[in-house]
Amino acid sequence: MKKITTLFLILVVASCGVKQTTNMLTSGDYDGAIDNAIGSLRSNKDKKGKQDYVYLLEEAFAKAKERDLRDIQFLAKDANPRNLERIYTTYVQLNNRQEKIRPLLPLRLIKENRNAIFPFDDYSDQIVSSKNALSKYLYDNAKALLLTKDKMTVRRAYDDLAYLDQINPNFKDVRKLMDDALSKGTDYVNVYMKNETNMVIPTRLQNDLLDFSTNGMNDKWTVYHSSKQKGIDYDFGVVVNFRQITISPEQIKEKQFIKEKQIKDGVKNLTDSRGNVVKDSLGNPIKVDKFKTIKIDIYEFTQFKAAQVTAKVDYVDYKTSQLLQTFPLSSEFVFENIYSNYRGDRRAADESYYTYFNQKAVPFPSNEQMIYDTGEDLKVKLKDIISRNRIRR
């Protein structure tokens, strides 16, 4: 019974594969049908159960070849240089299709007592000539595009040159033109700070806030500078506008609380409700733990100071003087130091609290230091904003 079920499943899977390939063929997806048929014929190609795939492969190949040659003929008559890429890729496709089938040959059609027919052609001359024509067109067109000042146009030139270098490596001075296009098409962005608060931010601190690495921010077409460099015409600005800086007063909060705990304090004789000593079977007094209550008065002190910086990040187009986007930016830094004094038995406190008994009061950080510590978090958030919101998408 198990063998019958397994055989049935194999037949169902094979039937579904043939049906899927047939549907691809009738819908015009010739190469999909070819790939399906080839996949099925890679093993046991001469089995009788594989005959349907041989017929489908023969028909799909003939129709795909006829369609491609008809397309090439039409595109050549149109004489539009924009068709050169499609002509070239179609010839490559014709050749690659043959090379997929070649390892399977011969494929026998048992009922007709013949081999399946796949009329192969040598497309090497057509591939070379169409590639040369396409290379010349891409090269000439890219050089013309590089004469423009529009960076998006220059980037299209770069893409054409990169494709040209892929299909025809070392063609003329393509590599140099690619470098020129990369330079001309790059957006340079100046990241700088504006202080719109009522506070004076020291110059050293301003410089530190913008002293961040651009690693992970730059991409293929965008370079960020936190300080302007000579000889660069910047395209965009990322302006960090500090709107408000709030620093709380230095505070010391006091809190007193009492803790009690029972601890073991030796042993004693066990007595009954009448005060008589309870003895064991041998007549010896039964001993039990003796406990006592200990207490501690804790005086806890908390030093507290907080700084909050609120800003907004503006993306500005220098060429048009337009504001492109705005993003909120804020950060808070809290200084807190807890220390305690006590009277009584420290064992009454939780052991996890002991660390506060060893702490002392420390000097409060200066306002400048508080802003600096807040700025470290701001730099991380600023990089995240820039990384997630590109100047051009």
Protein backbone atom coordinates (compact mmCIF):
# COMPACT_ATOMS: atom_id res chain seq x y z
CA MET A 1 0.00 0.00 0.00
CA LYS A 2 2.86 2.38 0.88
CA LYS A 3 4.53 1.77 -2.52
CA ILE A 4 1.26 2.48 -4.35
CA THR A 5 0.80 5.76 -2.44
CA THR A 6 4.38 6.84 -3.18
CA LEU A 7 3.98 6.04 -6.89
CA PHE A 8 0.70 7.97 -6.96
CA LEU A 9 2.37 11.03 -5.42
CA ILE A 10 5.20 10.89 -7.95
CA LEU A 11 2.70 10.76 -10.81
CA VAL A 12 0.75 13.72 -9.37
CA VAL A 13 3.90 15.84 -8.98
CA ALA A 14 5.04 14.97 -12.53
CA SER A 15 1.60 15.81 -13.92
CA CYS A 16 1.59 19.19 -12.14
CA GLY A 17 5.05 19.97 -13.52
CA VAL A 18 3.97 19.25 -17.09
CA LYS A 19 0.80 21.29 -16.66
CA GLN A 20 2.73 24.26 -15.27
CA THR A 21 5.22 24.12 -18.12
CA THR A 22 2.39 23.85 -20.67
CA ASN A 23 0.67 26.89 -19.16
CA MET A 24 3.90 28.88 -19.43
CA LEU A 25 4.24 27.90 -23.06
CA THR A 26 0.68 28.83 -23.99
CA SER A 27 0.92 32.17 -22.11
CA GLY A 28 4.07 33.19 -24.00
CA ASP A 29 6.54 32.65 -21.13
CA TYR A 30 8.79 30.59 -23.39
CA ASP A 31 11.94 30.91 -21.32
CA GLY A 32 10.07 29.95 -18.16
CA ALA A 33 8.82 26.84 -19.94
CA ILE A 34 12.36 26.11 -21.18
CA ASP A 35 13.81 26.41 -17.67
CA ASN A 36 11.12 24.12 -16.24
CA ALA A 37 11.66 21.51 -18.93
CA ILE A 38 15.46 21.62 -18.58
CA GLY A 39 15.17 21.25 -14.81
CA SER A 40 13.08 18.11 -15.24
CA LEU A 41 15.33 16.62 -17.94
CA ARG A 42 18.61 16.98 -16.04
CA SER A 43 18.08 13.52 -14.57
CA ASN A 44 16.74 10.42 -16.34
CA LYS A 45 16.11 12.38 -19.54
CA ASP A 46 15.48 9.18 -21.55
CA LYS A 47 12.70 7.89 -19.29
CA LYS A 48 9.32 7.50 -20.96
CA GLY A 49 7.73 9.70 -18.30
CA LYS A 50 9.93 12.62 -19.44
CA GLN A 51 8.72 12.61 -23.05
CA ASP A 52 6.22 15.45 -22.48
CA TYR A 53 9.07 17.71 -21.36
CA VAL A 54 11.07 16.97 -24.51
CA TYR A 55 8.12 17.97 -26.71
CA LEU A 56 7.52 21.11 -24.64
CA LEU A 57 11.21 22.05 -24.77
CA GLU A 58 11.35 21.62 -28.55
CA GLU A 59 8.26 23.78 -29.06
CA ALA A 60 9.24 26.46 -26.53
CA PHE A 61 12.72 26.79 -28.03
CA ALA A 62 11.38 27.22 -31.56
CA LYS A 63 8.85 29.83 -30.51
CA ALA A 64 11.32 31.76 -28.32
CA LYS A 65 13.89 31.85 -31.12
CA GLU A 66 11.32 32.96 -33.69
CA ARG A 67 10.07 35.73 -31.37
CA ASP A 68 13.57 37.03 -30.59
CA LEU A 69 14.67 37.13 -34.22
CA ARG A 70 11.44 38.92 -35.16
CA ASP A 71 12.05 41.50 -32.42
CA ILE A 72 15.63 42.09 -33.56
CA GLN A 73 14.44 42.58 -37.16
CA PHE A 74 11.87 45.16 -36.04
CA LEU A 75 14.30 47.00 -33.77
CA ALA A 76 16.93 47.15 -36.51
CA LYS A 77 14.41 48.62 -38.97
CA ASP A 78 13.43 51.28 -36.41
CA ALA A 79 17.08 52.46 -36.42
CA ASN A 80 16.73 54.12 -33.02
CA PRO A 81 20.06 54.04 -31.14
CA ARG A 82 18.13 53.48 -27.91
CA ASN A 83 17.28 50.01 -29.27
CA LEU A 84 20.93 48.97 -29.43
CA GLU A 85 20.97 47.62 -25.88
CA ARG A 86 17.90 45.47 -26.47
CA ILE A 87 19.34 44.14 -29.74
CA TYR A 88 22.57 43.21 -27.97
CA THR A 89 20.87 41.58 -24.97
CA THR A 90 18.51 39.64 -27.26
CA TYR A 91 21.44 38.15 -29.20
CA VAL A 92 23.06 37.22 -25.88
CA GLN A 93 19.76 35.65 -24.81
CA LEU A 94 19.56 33.62 -28.04
CA ASN A 95 23.07 32.29 -27.43
CA ASN A 96 22.56 31.58 -23.72
CA ARG A 97 19.35 29.68 -24.43
CA GLN A 98 21.23 27.34 -26.77
CA GLU A 99 23.99 26.80 -24.20
CA LYS A 100 21.40 25.76 -21.58
CA ILE A 101 20.04 23.05 -23.86
CA ARG A 102 23.31 21.86 -25.42
CA PRO A 103 24.44 19.64 -22.47
CA LEU A 104 21.16 17.65 -22.68
CA LEU A 105 21.47 16.72 -26.34
CA PRO A 106 20.54 14.43 -27.91
CA LEU A 107 16.97 14.23 -26.64
CA ARG A 108 15.05 11.27 -28.08
CA LEU A 109 11.37 11.34 -29.07
CA ILE A 110 10.44 7.69 -28.73
CA LYS A 111 7.07 7.62 -30.54
CA GLU A 112 8.45 9.45 -33.58
CA ASN A 113 11.74 7.57 -33.52
CA ARG A 114 13.77 10.75 -33.90
CA ASN A 115 15.83 13.24 -31.93
CA ALA A 116 14.21 16.50 -30.89
CA ILE A 117 15.16 19.32 -33.26
CA PHE A 118 16.94 22.39 -31.93
CA PRO A 119 18.36 24.44 -34.83
CA PHE A 120 21.34 26.17 -33.21
CA ASP A 121 23.05 29.17 -34.84
CA ASP A 122 26.36 30.91 -34.28
CA TYR A 123 25.54 34.37 -32.95
CA SER A 124 29.11 35.38 -32.09
CA ASP A 125 29.44 37.88 -34.95
CA GLN A 126 26.07 39.49 -34.14
CA ILE A 127 26.94 39.67 -30.43
CA VAL A 128 30.28 41.35 -31.12
CA SER A 129 28.93 43.82 -33.67
CA SER A 130 25.89 44.76 -31.56
CA LYS A 131 28.08 45.10 -28.48
CA ASN A 132 30.46 47.41 -30.34
CA ALA A 133 27.57 49.53 -31.64
CA LEU A 134 26.06 49.71 -28.17
CA SER A 135 29.44 50.55 -26.61
CA LYS A 136 29.96 53.45 -29.01
CA TYR A 137 26.46 54.77 -28.34
CA LEU A 138 26.83 54.51 -24.55
CA TYR A 139 30.26 56.16 -24.67
CA ASP A 140 29.22 59.07 -26.90
CA ASN A 141 25.98 59.61 -25.01
CA ALA A 142 27.70 59.54 -21.61
CA LYS A 143 30.31 62.09 -22.74
CA ALA A 144 27.50 64.39 -23.86
CA LEU A 145 25.68 63.98 -20.54
CA LEU A 146 28.87 64.79 -18.63
CA LEU A 147 28.90 68.25 -20.20
CA THR A 148 25.77 69.21 -18.27
CA LYS A 149 25.77 70.72 -14.78
CA ASP A 150 22.76 68.76 -13.59
CA LYS A 151 24.01 66.16 -11.12
CA MET A 152 21.16 63.73 -11.69
CA THR A 153 21.98 63.74 -15.42
CA VAL A 154 25.64 63.14 -14.60
CA ARG A 155 24.62 60.16 -12.47
CA ARG A 156 22.78 58.69 -15.44
CA ALA A 157 26.00 59.06 -17.40
CA TYR A 158 27.84 57.18 -14.65
CA ASP A 159 25.31 54.33 -14.76
CA ASP A 160 25.70 54.07 -18.56
CA LEU A 161 29.48 54.02 -18.23
CA ALA A 162 29.34 51.40 -15.48
CA TYR A 163 27.17 49.21 -17.71
CA LEU A 164 29.56 49.79 -20.62
CA ASP A 165 32.50 48.78 -18.45
CA GLN A 166 30.61 45.61 -17.51
CA ILE A 167 29.87 44.45 -21.05
CA ASN A 168 33.06 45.79 -22.64
CA PRO A 169 35.84 46.12 -20.04
CA ASN A 170 38.70 48.58 -20.71
CA PHE A 171 36.81 50.35 -23.49
CA LYS A 172 38.70 53.58 -24.23
CA ASP A 173 38.89 55.86 -21.17
CA VAL A 174 35.67 54.67 -19.55
CA ARG A 175 37.23 54.23 -16.10
CA LYS A 176 38.47 57.83 -16.08
CA LEU A 177 35.08 59.11 -17.25
CA MET A 178 33.44 57.13 -14.43
CA ASP A 179 35.71 58.85 -11.91
CA ASP A 180 34.84 62.24 -13.43
CA ALA A 181 31.13 61.43 -13.29
CA LEU A 182 31.40 60.28 -9.67
CA SER A 183 33.08 63.54 -8.72
CA LYS A 184 30.69 65.76 -10.69
CA GLY A 185 27.56 63.90 -9.55
CA THR A 186 28.36 63.88 -5.82
CA ASP A 187 26.34 66.07 -3.47
CA TYR A 188 28.42 67.80 -0.80
CA VAL A 189 26.55 68.57 2.41
CA ASN A 190 27.72 70.95 5.13
CA VAL A 191 26.51 70.05 8.62
CA TYR A 192 26.68 73.03 10.97
CA MET A 193 25.14 74.49 14.11
CA LYS A 194 23.08 77.59 14.91
CA ASN A 195 22.54 78.80 18.44
CA GLU A 196 19.04 80.26 18.78
CA THR A 197 18.95 79.96 22.57
CA ASN A 198 19.51 82.72 25.10
CA MET A 199 22.58 80.95 26.42
CA VAL A 200 26.16 81.40 25.33
CA ILE A 201 27.57 78.10 24.13
CA PRO A 202 31.40 78.14 24.38
CA THR A 203 33.19 77.76 21.05
CA ARG A 204 35.00 74.63 22.21
CA LEU A 205 31.69 73.08 23.10
CA GLN A 206 30.14 74.04 19.75
CA ASN A 207 33.05 72.42 17.95
CA ASP A 208 32.72 69.28 20.04
CA LEU A 209 29.00 68.95 19.29
CA LEU A 210 29.78 68.81 15.57
CA ASP A 211 32.90 66.70 15.98
CA PHE A 212 31.44 63.40 14.84
CA SER A 213 32.57 60.79 12.39
CA THR A 214 30.73 60.61 9.08
CA ASN A 215 31.28 56.85 8.92
CA GLY A 216 28.01 55.22 7.90
CA MET A 217 26.56 58.53 6.73
CA ASN A 218 28.26 58.99 3.40
CA ASP A 219 26.91 57.04 0.46
CA LYS A 220 27.85 56.68 -3.18
CA TRP A 221 26.53 60.12 -4.16
CA THR A 222 26.56 62.05 -0.87
CA VAL A 223 29.43 63.31 1.28
CA TYR A 224 28.88 65.08 4.61
CA HIS A 225 31.34 67.54 6.13
CA SER A 226 30.96 68.97 9.63
CA SER A 227 33.39 71.73 8.70
CA LYS A 228 33.66 73.39 5.32
CA GLN A 229 36.61 72.46 3.15
CA LYS A 230 38.29 74.74 0.66
CA GLY A 231 37.56 74.24 -3.01
CA ILE A 232 34.20 72.52 -2.48
CA ASP A 233 30.95 74.05 -3.68
CA TYR A 234 28.38 72.72 -1.22
CA ASP A 235 24.98 71.72 -2.55
CA PHE A 236 23.04 71.28 0.68
CA GLY A 237 23.19 72.22 4.32
CA VAL A 238 22.08 70.27 7.37
CA VAL A 239 21.54 72.93 10.04
CA VAL A 240 21.28 71.95 13.69
CA ASN A 241 19.27 74.82 15.23
CA PHE A 242 19.54 74.79 19.02
CA ARG A 243 16.25 76.25 20.25
CA GLN A 244 16.36 75.79 24.01
CA ILE A 245 18.80 74.64 26.67
CA THR A 246 17.31 74.06 30.12
CA ILE A 247 19.45 73.26 33.14
CA SER A 248 17.80 72.55 36.46
CA PRO A 249 19.12 73.96 39.77
CA GLU A 250 21.45 71.81 41.85
CA GLN A 251 19.26 69.86 44.26
CA ILE A 252 19.92 67.69 47.28
CA LYS A 253 16.91 65.67 48.38
CA GLU A 254 16.89 64.15 51.86
CA LYS A 255 14.94 61.12 53.04
CA GLN A 256 14.90 59.33 56.40
CA PHE A 257 13.50 55.85 56.96
CA ILE A 258 13.77 53.02 59.47
CA LYS A 259 14.42 49.36 58.78
CA GLU A 260 13.98 46.50 61.23
CA LYS A 261 15.01 42.86 60.94
CA GLN A 262 15.08 39.80 63.17
CA ILE A 263 18.42 38.02 63.35
CA LYS A 264 19.58 34.84 65.09
CA ASP A 265 21.08 35.45 68.54
CA GLY A 266 22.14 32.07 69.89
CA VAL A 267 19.89 29.22 71.09
CA LYS A 268 17.50 28.60 73.99
CA ASN A 269 15.48 25.79 75.56
CA LEU A 270 12.10 25.10 74.00
CA THR A 271 9.30 25.69 76.49
CA ASP A 272 5.62 24.86 76.44
CA SER A 273 2.71 27.20 77.09
CA ARG A 274 3.23 26.86 80.85
CA GLY A 275 6.89 27.75 80.69
CA ASN A 276 8.16 24.23 81.21
CA VAL A 277 11.23 23.02 79.32
CA VAL A 278 10.34 20.53 76.56
CA LYS A 279 12.59 17.47 76.47
CA ASP A 280 13.25 14.79 73.87
CA SER A 281 12.78 11.02 74.36
CA LEU A 282 16.16 10.76 76.08
CA GLY A 283 15.28 13.47 78.56
CA ASN A 284 17.51 16.13 77.04
CA PRO A 285 16.17 19.71 76.65
CA ILE A 286 15.21 20.57 73.08
CA LYS A 287 17.14 23.60 71.77
CA VAL A 288 15.69 26.22 69.35
CA ASP A 289 17.12 29.37 67.73
CA LYS A 290 16.83 32.57 69.68
CA PHE A 291 16.11 35.76 67.70
CA LYS A 292 16.43 39.44 68.42
CA THR A 293 15.20 42.51 66.56
CA ILE A 294 17.73 45.01 65.20
CA LYS A 295 17.00 48.45 63.82
CA ILE A 296 18.67 51.04 61.64
CA ASP A 297 17.85 54.70 60.98
CA ILE A 298 18.90 55.60 57.41
CA TYR A 299 19.47 59.16 56.20
CA GLU A 300 19.51 59.10 52.40
CA PHE A 301 20.72 62.04 50.27
CA THR A 302 20.17 62.35 46.51
CA GLN A 303 22.13 64.88 44.46
CA PHE A 304 20.21 65.76 41.30
CA LYS A 305 20.77 67.99 38.29
CA ALA A 306 19.31 67.70 34.77
CA ALA A 307 19.97 69.31 31.41
CA GLN A 308 17.70 69.23 28.38
CA VAL A 309 18.57 70.43 24.91
CA THR A 310 15.87 70.98 22.29
CA ALA A 311 16.79 71.54 18.65
CA LYS A 312 15.56 71.03 15.12
CA VAL A 313 17.44 69.79 12.07
CA ASP A 314 16.80 71.69 8.83
CA TYR A 315 17.72 70.38 5.38
CA VAL A 316 18.46 73.34 3.11
CA ASP A 317 19.01 73.40 -0.67
CA TYR A 318 21.77 75.96 -1.26
CA LYS A 319 21.01 76.22 -4.98
CA THR A 320 17.40 77.30 -4.46
CA SER A 321 17.63 78.54 -0.84
CA GLN A 322 14.65 76.37 -0.02
CA LEU A 323 13.95 74.51 3.20
CA LEU A 324 13.52 70.85 2.21
CA GLN A 325 12.74 69.03 5.47
CA THR A 326 12.74 69.61 9.23
CA PHE A 327 13.20 67.05 11.99
CA PRO A 328 12.91 67.48 15.77
CA LEU A 329 15.97 66.72 17.89
CA SER A 330 16.17 66.63 21.68
CA SER A 331 18.13 64.99 24.43
CA GLU A 332 18.28 64.96 28.21
CA PHE A 333 21.11 64.18 30.59
CA VAL A 334 20.50 63.52 34.28
CA PHE A 335 23.17 63.65 36.98
CA GLU A 336 22.22 61.70 40.10
CA ASN A 337 24.33 60.62 43.06
CA ILE A 338 22.86 58.77 46.06
CA TYR A 339 24.69 58.36 49.36
CA SER A 340 23.55 57.48 52.88
CA ASN A 341 24.44 57.80 56.56
CA TYR A 342 22.93 55.65 59.31
CA ARG A 343 22.57 55.08 63.03
CA GLY A 344 22.03 51.66 64.49
CA ASP A 345 22.83 48.19 63.19
CA ARG A 346 23.56 48.20 59.43
CA ARG A 347 22.62 44.54 59.24
CA ALA A 348 18.97 45.62 59.37
CA ALA A 349 19.31 47.10 55.87
CA ASP A 350 19.21 45.00 52.68
CA GLU A 351 22.69 44.01 51.55
CA SER A 352 21.99 45.54 48.14
CA TYR A 353 21.73 48.91 49.88
CA TYR A 354 25.19 48.72 51.50
CA THR A 355 26.85 50.39 48.50
CA TYR A 356 25.15 53.71 49.35
CA PHE A 357 26.80 53.68 52.80
CA ASN A 358 30.17 53.79 51.04
CA GLN A 359 29.20 56.70 48.78
CA LYS A 360 29.97 60.34 49.52
CA ALA A 361 28.76 63.68 48.23
CA VAL A 362 30.51 64.71 45.00
CA PRO A 363 30.80 68.09 43.27
CA PHE A 364 27.94 68.86 40.89
CA PRO A 365 28.97 68.96 37.19
CA SER A 366 29.19 72.43 35.67
CA ASN A 367 26.53 73.66 33.27
CA GLU A 368 29.03 73.34 30.44
CA GLN A 369 29.75 69.72 31.35
CA MET A 370 26.02 68.97 31.48
CA ILE A 371 25.52 70.37 27.99
CA TYR A 372 28.54 68.42 26.80
CA ASP A 373 27.14 65.14 28.18
CA THR A 374 23.79 65.88 26.55
CA GLY A 375 25.60 66.61 23.30
CA GLU A 376 27.08 63.11 23.15
CA ASP A 377 23.55 61.69 22.89
CA LEU A 378 22.57 64.43 20.44
CA LYS A 379 25.38 63.45 18.09
CA VAL A 380 24.16 59.86 17.98
CA LYS A 381 20.59 61.00 17.27
CA LEU A 382 21.76 63.47 14.61
CA LYS A 383 23.67 60.75 12.76
CA ASP A 384 20.58 58.54 12.92
CA ILE A 385 18.41 61.31 11.41
CA ILE A 386 20.88 61.88 8.58
CA SER A 387 21.33 58.15 7.92
CA ARG A 388 17.57 57.53 7.71
CA ASN A 389 16.68 60.69 5.76
CA ARG A 390 18.84 61.05 2.68
CA ILE A 391 19.11 64.36 0.84
CA ARG A 392 18.06 62.74 -2.45
CA ARG A 393 16.38 59.38 -2.68
